[in-house]
Amino acid sequence: MEEAVVAAAQAFCRRSLAIWRTRTFAHVFRYQTVSVIERSSLNHRTLGALKSADIISVTSKGQRLVVGKDYDAISLDDVHFLDAFDDVTVTCAVEPRAGSSHLPASLFHDWEEGICAGAAKRLLLQPDKAWSDVALAGYHEREFVEAICQARRWRLEVSPDATPENPLTRKRSFV
C-alpha cells in the first residue's frame, strides 16, 4: 500500500506540477552546472526523498532567463549556465522519489483525496489479487485525473511563472 501511495503521489506531482520549490544562488559562474533539488539542503532534511519533476523558471535579479541563450536544462534537476549571473532563483516542480518514506505535507493537506484515489486505482488493478476490480479502478482513475486537473488549474491561476515564455519569436510578413 505504501508503494501505491508513493507512486500515486509521483504521478500526481509530475502531471499537475502542483508542488514547487525554489533554490537561490548569490552568484553562478559561466559554464557552472547546479543541482536544484538533488544536492540541496531541502533534500538533506528529507533524507533525499524528493526529486525535481520539471524546471519551471530561472531568473536573475527578477528577470527571467532564456533557455538555450542564458542556460541549458541538462536534466530535470541540473541547470547549466552559459554566462555568469547574480541573484539567481531556480523554481522547479518536485515529486517524491520512488521508495520514499517522506512526502511533502502539502500533498496530504491539499490533495489527499486525489492521492488516495490514485493509490486505490493502482491497488485495484493488481491482476493476481482477489480484490482486483477493473470497474472500481476506473472510478478511482477518474477521481485521480480530476484531482490532477484541479491541481494543475490551481497552479496556473496562482503562478504567473507556470506558463513558459516562448523564446522563439517569429516575425512574419504576408505580402
Protein backbone atom coordinates (compact mmCIF):
# COMPACT_ATOMS: atom_id res chain seq x y z
CA MET A 1 0.00 0.00 0.00
CA GLU A 2 2.85 2.42 0.79
CA GLU A 3 4.33 1.84 -2.67
CA ALA A 4 0.94 2.59 -4.26
CA VAL A 5 0.65 5.88 -2.31
CA VAL A 6 4.16 6.98 -3.32
CA ALA A 7 3.57 6.00 -6.96
CA ALA A 8 0.27 7.91 -6.98
CA ALA A 9 1.96 10.94 -5.40
CA GLN A 10 4.70 10.80 -8.04
CA ALA A 11 2.21 10.68 -10.89
CA PHE A 12 0.13 13.43 -9.30
CA CYS A 13 3.11 15.75 -8.86
CA ARG A 14 4.54 15.08 -12.30
CA ARG A 15 1.26 15.65 -14.13
CA SER A 16 -0.07 18.58 -12.08
CA LEU A 17 3.20 20.40 -11.24
CA ALA A 18 1.42 21.46 -8.06
CA ILE A 19 4.32 21.31 -5.59
CA TRP A 20 7.10 23.83 -6.22
CA ARG A 21 10.40 24.51 -4.52
CA THR A 22 12.90 27.30 -5.19
CA ARG A 23 16.62 27.46 -4.74
CA THR A 24 18.57 30.69 -4.77
CA PHE A 25 22.20 31.34 -5.55
CA ALA A 26 24.02 34.61 -4.82
CA HIS A 27 26.19 34.07 -7.88
CA VAL A 28 26.60 31.44 -10.58
CA PHE A 29 29.65 31.28 -12.80
CA ARG A 30 29.84 30.91 -16.54
CA TYR A 31 29.57 27.21 -17.51
CA GLN A 32 28.64 26.22 -13.95
CA THR A 33 26.14 23.39 -13.52
CA VAL A 34 23.92 23.48 -10.45
CA SER A 35 21.60 20.91 -8.96
CA VAL A 36 18.23 22.31 -7.98
CA ILE A 37 16.88 19.63 -5.63
CA GLU A 38 19.18 16.59 -5.62
CA ARG A 39 22.05 18.21 -3.69
CA SER A 40 20.05 20.90 -1.88
CA SER A 41 19.55 21.37 1.85
CA LEU A 42 15.86 20.56 1.32
CA ASN A 43 16.78 17.04 0.25
CA HIS A 44 19.18 16.66 3.18
CA ARG A 45 16.32 17.48 5.58
CA THR A 46 14.02 14.95 3.91
CA LEU A 47 16.71 12.26 3.61
CA GLY A 48 16.84 12.51 -0.18
CA ALA A 49 13.13 11.84 -0.60
CA LEU A 50 12.43 14.45 -3.30
CA LYS A 51 13.48 14.89 -6.89
CA SER A 52 12.79 17.52 -9.49
CA ALA A 53 9.86 16.88 -11.83
CA ASP A 54 10.31 19.94 -14.08
CA ILE A 55 12.22 23.22 -14.12
CA ILE A 56 9.62 25.98 -14.13
CA SER A 57 11.72 29.15 -14.31
CA VAL A 58 15.21 30.53 -13.89
CA THR A 59 15.58 34.20 -13.01
CA SER A 60 18.43 36.58 -12.29
CA LYS A 61 17.68 39.78 -10.37
CA GLY A 62 14.00 39.16 -11.03
CA GLN A 63 14.41 38.92 -14.82
CA ARG A 64 13.55 35.65 -16.46
CA LEU A 65 16.48 33.90 -18.17
CA VAL A 66 16.01 32.24 -21.54
CA VAL A 67 16.70 28.55 -22.03
CA GLY A 68 19.24 27.97 -24.80
CA LYS A 69 20.56 31.52 -24.54
CA ASP A 70 21.29 32.03 -20.84
CA TYR A 71 21.18 28.44 -19.58
CA ASP A 72 20.59 24.85 -20.65
CA ALA A 73 18.41 22.42 -18.75
CA ILE A 74 20.62 19.34 -18.75
CA SER A 75 18.13 17.22 -16.83
CA LEU A 76 15.05 17.70 -14.70
CA ASP A 77 17.37 18.68 -11.84
CA ASP A 78 20.51 20.19 -13.40
CA VAL A 79 20.85 23.67 -14.88
CA HIS A 80 23.99 24.58 -16.85
CA PHE A 81 24.58 28.34 -17.06
CA LEU A 82 26.04 29.77 -20.26
CA ASP A 83 27.06 33.03 -18.59
CA ALA A 84 27.65 34.40 -15.08
CA PHE A 85 24.63 35.76 -13.20
CA ASP A 86 23.90 37.26 -9.77
CA ASP A 87 20.87 36.68 -7.53
CA VAL A 88 19.69 33.58 -9.37
CA THR A 89 16.46 31.82 -8.41
CA VAL A 90 15.56 28.46 -9.89
CA THR A 91 11.97 27.28 -9.42
CA CYS A 92 11.06 23.69 -10.07
CA ALA A 93 8.22 21.28 -9.50
CA VAL A 94 9.09 18.39 -7.22
CA GLU A 95 7.89 14.85 -6.76
CA PRO A 96 8.72 12.12 -4.26
CA ARG A 97 11.46 9.71 -5.19
CA ALA A 98 10.45 6.05 -5.70
CA GLY A 99 10.56 4.18 -2.40
CA SER A 100 10.38 7.40 -0.42
CA SER A 101 9.05 7.40 3.12
CA HIS A 102 8.63 11.19 3.09
CA LEU A 103 6.00 13.02 1.06
CA PRO A 104 5.51 16.79 1.01
CA ALA A 105 2.91 17.70 3.65
CA SER A 106 1.03 19.90 1.20
CA LEU A 107 0.13 16.82 -0.83
CA PHE A 108 -1.91 15.50 2.07
CA HIS A 109 -3.22 18.84 3.27
CA ASP A 110 -4.43 19.92 -0.15
CA TRP A 111 -4.73 16.85 -2.39
CA GLU A 112 -5.24 13.91 -0.01
CA GLU A 113 -8.36 12.50 -1.70
CA GLY A 114 -6.78 12.62 -5.16
CA ILE A 115 -3.62 10.83 -3.98
CA CYS A 116 -5.72 8.18 -2.23
CA ALA A 117 -7.82 7.68 -5.37
CA GLY A 118 -4.64 7.16 -7.40
CA ALA A 119 -3.34 4.64 -4.87
CA ALA A 120 -6.69 2.82 -4.80
CA LYS A 121 -6.67 2.58 -8.59
CA ARG A 122 -3.20 1.03 -8.55
CA LEU A 123 -4.18 -1.48 -5.88
CA LEU A 124 -7.42 -2.44 -7.64
CA LEU A 125 -5.61 -3.16 -10.90
CA GLN A 126 -3.41 -5.92 -9.49
CA PRO A 127 -4.44 -8.89 -11.64
CA ASP A 128 -3.33 -11.67 -9.29
CA LYS A 129 -5.24 -10.39 -6.26
CA ALA A 130 -8.73 -11.44 -5.20
CA TRP A 131 -9.80 -7.82 -4.69
CA SER A 132 -8.94 -6.80 -8.27
CA ASP A 133 -11.85 -4.77 -9.70
CA VAL A 134 -11.39 -3.03 -13.04
CA ALA A 135 -14.70 -1.15 -12.86
CA LEU A 136 -13.96 0.29 -9.42
CA ALA A 137 -10.40 1.08 -10.54
CA GLY A 138 -11.88 3.08 -13.42
CA TYR A 139 -13.93 5.13 -10.97
CA HIS A 140 -10.83 5.89 -8.87
CA GLU A 141 -8.86 6.72 -12.04
CA ARG A 142 -11.46 9.36 -12.96
CA GLU A 143 -11.26 10.83 -9.43
CA PHE A 144 -7.46 10.83 -9.63
CA VAL A 145 -7.42 12.57 -13.01
CA GLU A 146 -9.97 15.13 -11.82
CA ALA A 147 -7.76 15.94 -8.80
CA ILE A 148 -4.75 16.34 -11.11
CA CYS A 149 -6.75 18.70 -13.35
CA GLN A 150 -7.88 20.75 -10.34
CA ALA A 151 -4.32 21.00 -9.04
CA ARG A 152 -3.00 21.99 -12.46
CA ARG A 153 -5.71 24.66 -12.87
CA TRP A 154 -4.94 26.00 -9.40
CA ARG A 155 -1.21 26.17 -10.19
CA LEU A 156 -1.83 28.02 -13.47
CA GLU A 157 -4.15 30.50 -11.75
CA VAL A 158 -1.87 31.38 -8.83
CA SER A 159 1.52 31.26 -10.54
CA PRO A 160 2.41 33.53 -13.43
CA ASP A 161 5.64 31.53 -13.92
CA ALA A 162 3.66 28.37 -14.67
CA THR A 163 3.29 29.27 -18.32
CA PRO A 164 6.68 29.30 -20.03
CA GLU A 165 7.55 32.12 -22.34
CA ASN A 166 8.24 31.16 -25.93
CA PRO A 167 11.84 32.25 -26.62
CA LEU A 168 11.30 31.94 -30.36
CA THR A 169 9.60 34.99 -31.71
CA ARG A 170 8.92 34.79 -35.38
CA LYS A 171 8.17 37.82 -37.43
CA ARG A 172 6.05 37.01 -40.39
CA SER A 173 5.20 39.18 -43.27
CA PHE A 174 2.41 38.38 -45.62
CA VAL A 175 2.75 40.08 -48.96
